[in-house]
Amino acid sequence: MSLKRMLEEVAGRYGGKTAITCGDRRLSYTDLDEASNKLANALIKLGVTKGDRVAMLLSNSPEFVVTYFGIVKIGAITVPLDINYKIDELASLFDDCRPKILVTESPTLEPLIPVLSRFKSIKQVIDLGAEDGGHFLSYRGIMAVSSASKIESGPEPEDIAQIAYTSGPSFNPEGVMLPHHCLVTEAAISGDGFQQGDKDIVLLYALPLYHAFALVSGLLVSICKGSTVVIVPGTGLSIASSMAAIEKERATIFLGVPYIFALAVSMAGKEGMERDLTSLRLCASAGAPLPVDIIRQFKKHYGFYILDCWGLTEAICLVT
C-alpha cells in the first residue's frame, strides 16, 4: 500500500474525526485529505512529476503534515530537513538530493536567500509566510487557488516516498531511501505494538517532525490507526507546559526523548506540575538511551513505566 492510499482509506473511514490539532486549529481527516490534494495539484502545476525531490525545511505545524502527504500523493519524493542545519550543511544536502522545489518558511529561508542561486535544481521556493506577488511563491496563495480534486494517478507501493538523512557510521548525513510500503508497514506494526487505535490522542512535544521518531512513530502511526495527533508549536523544552498540554488535550500517548522524561522526574511535585495526567496510558522514549533510574523514578512519581524504544532510520524508525 502507498501512503496516498493509506490516507485516503483512513479519511474515508473517519472523515470528520480530528486528525491534527495545533493550538486552536483543528484538521479533520477529510480536511487533511483535501488540503493535501490541493498541495499535490499545485505541485503538478509547477511541473513536479513522479520521482522529483521536494525538500521540506519546516517546523512542526499542520502545514508540515499537509505538505508531506501532498508530495507523496503524486509520487514525488519528500525530503524533510533539519531546520537547525547550517548553510553549508544544507548546501551539501541540496547538492546530494537535487530538489526541484523547496518548501520552507520565512525565518528559515532568510539566511538561505544569498546562496539559493547556486542550487540550479531548485526551480521554485514555496514560503509559508510569503504574500502573493513576492519574490517567492506564497503557500497560502497557491493553496487558495488549487483544486482539492483527488489525484487519480499516484505512486506504487514500491516507489520511494522519502529520503531521510541520517549520520550513520560516517557522521556525515547520508540519504536513506524509504519506500511507501515500508513506511506504511512500519506504521501498522508500531501502532499494533503501541496497541494504538482511533480513540488515542498522541501528543508530540519538542519532537521535530523532520526526525524519524516523530514522523513515523508519531504522525504516520497515528494516521494509519485513525488517531488524533496534537502538535505543540514551538521548540522549547518546558516540561510544565507539556504537562499542561497533556491535561488540556486529554492525551493518551506521549512521545518524548530521554531529556524530557528526565525533566519530568526532576520537576515532579514542584509548582506548575500539579496536573491531571490520568488520561495517559503510554509514554514512549527514543532518540538516545533512557537511563534505568529515570524509568524507575518516573514510575514512582507518575505511576507507570516509560516504553524505551530503539530504532534506526535505515529500518524505518523503530526496531524494538
Protein backbone atom coordinates (compact mmCIF):
# COMPACT_ATOMS: atom_id res chain seq x y z
CA MET A 1 0.00 0.00 0.00
CA SER A 2 1.14 3.57 -0.67
CA LEU A 3 0.93 6.47 1.79
CA LYS A 4 -1.55 8.08 -0.60
CA ARG A 5 -3.90 5.14 -0.39
CA MET A 6 -3.41 4.86 3.38
CA LEU A 7 -4.55 8.45 3.97
CA GLU A 8 -7.43 8.20 1.51
CA GLU A 9 -8.73 5.00 3.11
CA VAL A 10 -8.46 6.39 6.64
CA ALA A 11 -10.16 9.63 5.56
CA GLY A 12 -12.93 7.52 4.05
CA ARG A 13 -13.46 5.75 7.37
CA TYR A 14 -13.02 8.63 9.80
CA GLY A 15 -13.96 11.72 7.72
CA GLY A 16 -14.97 14.35 10.27
CA LYS A 17 -12.83 12.98 13.10
CA THR A 18 -9.97 15.27 14.17
CA ALA A 19 -6.66 14.20 12.65
CA ILE A 20 -4.41 17.12 13.61
CA THR A 21 -4.64 19.62 16.46
CA CYS A 22 -2.28 22.59 16.80
CA GLY A 23 -3.26 25.34 19.21
CA ASP A 24 -6.76 26.45 18.23
CA ARG A 25 -6.52 24.83 14.80
CA ARG A 26 -8.23 21.55 14.00
CA LEU A 27 -7.95 19.50 10.82
CA SER A 28 -10.31 16.58 10.30
CA TYR A 29 -9.25 13.59 8.25
CA THR A 30 -11.34 14.95 5.38
CA ASP A 31 -9.64 18.35 5.77
CA LEU A 32 -6.20 16.73 5.69
CA ASP A 33 -7.02 14.62 2.65
CA GLU A 34 -8.44 17.58 0.71
CA ALA A 35 -5.69 20.01 1.74
CA SER A 36 -3.00 17.54 0.68
CA ASN A 37 -4.84 17.15 -2.65
CA LYS A 38 -4.62 20.93 -3.08
CA LEU A 39 -0.89 20.91 -2.42
CA ALA A 40 -0.44 17.94 -4.74
CA ASN A 41 -2.35 19.64 -7.58
CA ALA A 42 -0.34 22.84 -7.02
CA LEU A 43 2.91 20.89 -7.32
CA ILE A 44 1.71 19.28 -10.54
CA LYS A 45 1.06 22.74 -11.99
CA LEU A 46 4.62 23.70 -11.00
CA GLY A 47 5.94 20.81 -13.07
CA VAL A 48 6.66 18.32 -10.30
CA THR A 49 6.40 14.75 -11.51
CA LYS A 50 6.91 11.27 -10.12
CA GLY A 51 10.41 10.80 -8.73
CA ASP A 52 11.17 14.51 -8.34
CA ARG A 53 12.50 15.53 -4.94
CA VAL A 54 10.75 18.21 -2.89
CA ALA A 55 12.71 19.47 0.11
CA MET A 56 10.85 20.45 3.27
CA LEU A 57 12.54 22.88 5.64
CA LEU A 58 9.67 23.36 8.08
CA SER A 59 9.00 23.45 11.79
CA ASN A 60 6.14 21.45 13.32
CA SER A 61 2.78 22.64 12.03
CA PRO A 62 -0.32 21.37 10.22
CA GLU A 63 1.31 22.68 7.02
CA PHE A 64 4.16 20.20 7.52
CA VAL A 65 1.67 17.33 7.53
CA VAL A 66 -0.30 18.66 4.54
CA THR A 67 2.89 19.24 2.55
CA TYR A 68 4.29 15.79 3.34
CA PHE A 69 1.18 14.00 2.09
CA GLY A 70 0.74 16.35 -0.87
CA ILE A 71 4.23 15.48 -2.10
CA VAL A 72 3.90 11.73 -1.76
CA LYS A 73 0.44 11.65 -3.32
CA ILE A 74 1.85 12.49 -6.75
CA GLY A 75 4.74 10.05 -6.46
CA ALA A 76 7.30 12.76 -5.77
CA ILE A 77 9.86 12.17 -3.03
CA THR A 78 9.71 14.22 0.13
CA VAL A 79 12.98 15.27 1.77
CA PRO A 80 12.36 16.59 5.31
CA LEU A 81 15.40 18.51 6.54
CA ASP A 82 16.54 19.67 9.97
CA ILE A 83 15.72 23.38 10.35
CA ASN A 84 18.79 23.72 12.59
CA TYR A 85 21.24 22.78 9.84
CA LYS A 86 23.78 25.47 8.99
CA ILE A 87 24.01 26.87 5.48
CA ASP A 88 26.98 24.71 4.46
CA GLU A 89 25.22 21.58 5.74
CA LEU A 90 22.07 22.40 3.79
CA ALA A 91 24.15 23.16 0.70
CA SER A 92 25.69 19.69 0.87
CA LEU A 93 22.27 18.05 1.15
CA PHE A 94 20.78 20.13 -1.68
CA ASP A 95 23.71 19.12 -3.88
CA ASP A 96 23.06 15.49 -2.97
CA CYS A 97 19.27 15.21 -3.35
CA ARG A 98 18.83 17.95 -6.01
CA PRO A 99 15.30 19.05 -5.08
CA LYS A 100 13.10 20.66 -7.72
CA ILE A 101 11.03 22.55 -5.11
CA LEU A 102 11.89 23.87 -1.65
CA VAL A 103 9.01 24.36 0.79
CA THR A 104 10.05 26.45 3.77
CA GLU A 105 9.09 29.39 5.99
CA SER A 106 10.45 32.89 6.32
CA PRO A 107 12.65 32.58 9.45
CA THR A 108 14.45 29.58 7.96
CA LEU A 109 14.50 30.93 4.41
CA GLU A 110 16.10 34.31 5.14
CA PRO A 111 19.71 33.13 5.67
CA LEU A 112 19.42 30.91 2.58
CA ILE A 113 18.46 33.70 0.18
CA PRO A 114 22.04 34.83 -0.65
CA VAL A 115 23.08 31.32 -1.74
CA LEU A 116 19.90 29.97 -3.35
CA SER A 117 21.04 30.83 -6.87
CA ARG A 118 23.85 28.26 -6.73
CA PHE A 119 21.36 25.39 -6.48
CA LYS A 120 20.33 25.01 -10.10
CA SER A 121 17.95 22.12 -9.40
CA ILE A 122 15.64 24.29 -7.27
CA LYS A 123 13.12 25.80 -9.68
CA GLN A 124 10.71 27.27 -7.14
CA VAL A 125 10.63 28.17 -3.45
CA ILE A 126 7.29 27.99 -1.63
CA ASP A 127 7.26 30.15 1.50
CA LEU A 128 4.62 29.63 4.20
CA GLY A 129 4.92 33.27 5.23
CA ALA A 130 5.09 34.93 1.81
CA GLU A 131 2.39 37.16 0.36
CA ASP A 132 1.19 36.94 -3.23
CA GLY A 133 3.34 38.91 -5.64
CA GLY A 134 6.56 38.50 -3.69
CA HIS A 135 9.85 37.02 -4.82
CA PHE A 136 8.85 33.53 -3.66
CA LEU A 137 5.64 31.60 -4.12
CA SER A 138 3.10 32.08 -1.35
CA TYR A 139 1.94 28.83 0.24
CA ARG A 140 -1.39 30.41 1.14
CA GLY A 141 -1.69 31.82 -2.36
CA ILE A 142 -1.20 28.55 -4.21
CA MET A 143 -3.45 26.67 -1.79
CA ALA A 144 -6.22 29.25 -2.24
CA VAL A 145 -6.46 28.67 -5.99
CA SER A 146 -5.60 24.97 -6.16
CA SER A 147 -8.13 22.20 -6.70
CA ALA A 148 -8.96 19.71 -3.94
CA SER A 149 -9.84 17.08 -6.53
CA LYS A 150 -8.44 13.61 -5.92
CA ILE A 151 -5.15 12.69 -7.55
CA GLU A 152 -6.13 9.81 -9.82
CA SER A 153 -2.67 8.52 -10.63
CA GLY A 154 -0.15 8.04 -7.89
CA PRO A 155 2.78 6.07 -6.54
CA GLU A 156 3.17 2.34 -6.44
CA PRO A 157 3.89 0.72 -3.05
CA GLU A 158 7.48 0.02 -4.11
CA ASP A 159 8.18 3.64 -5.12
CA ILE A 160 10.41 5.81 -2.94
CA ALA A 161 8.33 8.11 -0.72
CA GLN A 162 11.01 9.84 1.33
CA ILE A 163 14.72 10.49 1.57
CA ALA A 164 15.68 10.64 5.24
CA TYR A 165 19.10 11.97 6.10
CA THR A 166 20.97 10.27 8.92
CA SER A 167 24.58 10.46 10.03
CA GLY A 168 25.02 6.71 10.30
CA PRO A 169 28.56 5.34 10.78
CA SER A 170 30.24 8.07 8.71
CA PHE A 171 28.99 11.01 10.84
CA ASN A 172 28.14 12.77 7.58
CA PRO A 173 24.44 12.88 6.63
CA GLU A 174 23.55 10.20 4.12
CA GLY A 175 20.19 9.85 2.42
CA VAL A 176 18.15 6.74 3.18
CA MET A 177 15.55 5.93 0.52
CA LEU A 178 12.30 4.85 2.17
CA PRO A 179 9.63 3.16 0.01
CA HIS A 180 5.91 3.71 0.54
CA HIS A 181 5.15 0.14 1.52
CA CYS A 182 7.90 0.11 4.16
CA LEU A 183 6.60 3.30 5.80
CA VAL A 184 3.02 2.02 5.79
CA THR A 185 4.07 -1.38 7.16
CA GLU A 186 6.17 0.19 9.92
CA ALA A 187 3.26 2.46 10.86
CA ALA A 188 0.93 -0.53 11.13
CA ILE A 189 3.39 -2.68 13.10
CA SER A 190 4.41 0.09 15.52
CA GLY A 191 0.76 1.01 16.01
CA ASP A 192 -0.03 -2.59 16.91
CA GLY A 193 2.92 -2.55 19.32
CA PHE A 194 1.55 0.60 20.97
CA GLN A 195 -1.94 -1.02 20.94
CA GLN A 196 -2.98 2.23 19.33
CA GLY A 197 -6.44 2.88 17.92
CA ASP A 198 -8.86 5.55 16.80
CA LYS A 199 -9.61 6.65 20.37
CA ASP A 200 -5.99 7.59 21.07
CA ILE A 201 -4.72 11.17 21.24
CA VAL A 202 -0.97 11.39 20.63
CA LEU A 203 0.99 14.39 21.92
CA LEU A 204 4.15 15.44 20.07
CA TYR A 205 6.06 17.87 22.24
CA ALA A 206 9.51 19.19 21.30
CA LEU A 207 9.85 16.32 18.82
CA PRO A 208 10.59 17.64 15.31
CA LEU A 209 8.58 16.05 12.54
CA TYR A 210 11.63 16.00 10.30
CA HIS A 211 13.02 13.30 12.63
CA ALA A 212 12.01 9.66 12.12
CA PHE A 213 10.63 9.12 15.64
CA ALA A 214 8.08 11.92 15.44
CA LEU A 215 7.34 11.48 11.75
CA VAL A 216 6.90 7.71 11.66
CA SER A 217 6.11 6.64 15.23
CA GLY A 218 4.10 9.77 15.96
CA LEU A 219 2.46 11.00 12.77
CA LEU A 220 2.28 8.05 10.37
CA VAL A 221 1.31 5.55 13.07
CA SER A 222 -1.49 7.87 14.17
CA ILE A 223 -2.78 8.42 10.63
CA CYS A 224 -2.64 4.68 9.98
CA LYS A 225 -4.69 3.96 13.12
CA GLY A 226 -7.12 6.88 12.84
CA SER A 227 -5.81 8.58 15.99
CA THR A 228 -5.56 12.31 16.70
CA VAL A 229 -2.14 14.00 16.69
CA VAL A 230 -1.60 17.01 18.93
CA ILE A 231 1.23 19.23 17.66
CA VAL A 232 2.53 21.64 20.29
CA PRO A 233 4.09 24.56 18.37
CA GLY A 234 7.48 25.88 19.37
CA THR A 235 10.72 24.16 20.26
CA GLY A 236 11.10 24.94 23.97
CA LEU A 237 11.54 22.12 26.46
CA SER A 238 9.29 23.38 29.26
CA ILE A 239 8.06 20.22 30.92
CA ALA A 240 5.38 22.18 32.80
CA SER A 241 3.80 23.30 29.53
CA SER A 242 3.96 19.77 28.16
CA MET A 243 2.10 18.50 31.22
CA ALA A 244 -0.46 21.27 30.72
CA ALA A 245 -0.92 20.18 27.11
CA ILE A 246 -1.48 16.57 28.19
CA GLU A 247 -4.14 17.70 30.64
CA LYS A 248 -5.84 20.08 28.18
CA GLU A 249 -5.96 17.67 25.24
CA ARG A 250 -6.55 14.53 27.36
CA ALA A 251 -3.65 12.87 25.57
CA THR A 252 -3.38 9.11 25.87
CA ILE A 253 0.11 8.70 24.34
CA PHE A 254 3.10 10.96 24.95
CA LEU A 255 6.23 10.62 22.83
CA GLY A 256 9.46 12.18 24.01
CA VAL A 257 13.22 11.94 24.27
CA PRO A 258 15.12 10.99 27.45
CA TYR A 259 15.81 14.63 28.35
CA ILE A 260 12.08 15.37 28.54
CA PHE A 261 11.45 12.45 30.89
CA ALA A 262 14.48 13.39 33.00
CA LEU A 263 12.99 16.88 33.34
CA ALA A 264 9.66 15.38 34.35
CA VAL A 265 11.38 13.42 37.12
CA SER A 266 13.42 16.40 38.36
CA MET A 267 10.35 18.67 38.37
CA ALA A 268 7.95 16.19 39.97
CA GLY A 269 5.93 17.80 42.75
CA LYS A 270 7.09 21.34 42.01
CA GLU A 271 4.87 24.32 41.25
CA GLY A 272 3.17 24.05 37.87
CA MET A 273 3.44 20.26 37.78
CA GLU A 274 0.17 19.51 39.58
CA ARG A 275 -1.67 18.29 36.52
CA ASP A 276 -4.27 15.64 35.81
CA LEU A 277 -2.40 13.06 33.74
CA THR A 278 -4.88 10.24 34.23
CA SER A 279 -5.70 10.21 30.51
CA LEU A 280 -2.19 8.93 29.71
CA ARG A 281 -1.78 5.22 29.11
CA LEU A 282 1.61 5.16 27.35
CA CYS A 283 4.84 7.16 27.32
CA ALA A 284 7.50 6.21 24.79
CA SER A 285 11.08 7.46 24.57
CA ALA A 286 13.58 7.27 21.70
CA GLY A 287 16.49 9.16 20.20
CA ALA A 288 19.02 8.24 22.90
CA PRO A 289 19.42 5.65 25.68
CA LEU A 290 16.98 6.13 28.56
CA PRO A 291 18.68 5.59 31.95
CA VAL A 292 17.06 2.86 34.02
CA ASP A 293 16.95 5.17 37.04
CA ILE A 294 14.81 7.65 35.09
CA ILE A 295 12.38 4.85 34.22
CA ARG A 296 12.14 3.85 37.89
CA GLN A 297 11.79 7.41 39.17
CA PHE A 298 9.16 8.22 36.54
CA LYS A 299 7.16 5.17 37.65
CA LYS A 300 7.47 6.28 41.28
CA HIS A 301 6.22 9.82 40.60
CA TYR A 302 3.70 9.28 37.80
CA GLY A 303 2.53 5.71 38.25
CA PHE A 304 3.62 3.97 35.05
CA TYR A 305 6.71 2.94 33.15
CA ILE A 306 8.16 4.56 30.04
CA LEU A 307 8.46 2.37 26.95
CA ASP A 308 12.12 2.68 25.92
CA CYS A 309 12.34 2.33 22.13
CA TRP A 310 15.32 1.72 19.88
CA GLY A 311 15.47 2.08 16.15
CA LEU A 312 17.37 3.43 13.19
CA THR A 313 16.40 5.48 10.18
CA GLU A 314 17.58 2.75 7.80
CA ALA A 315 14.97 0.40 9.31
CA ILE A 316 12.15 2.96 9.06
CA CYS A 317 12.50 4.04 12.69
CA LEU A 318 11.62 1.60 15.50
CA VAL A 319 13.18 -1.84 15.71
CA THR A 320 12.49 -2.77 19.32
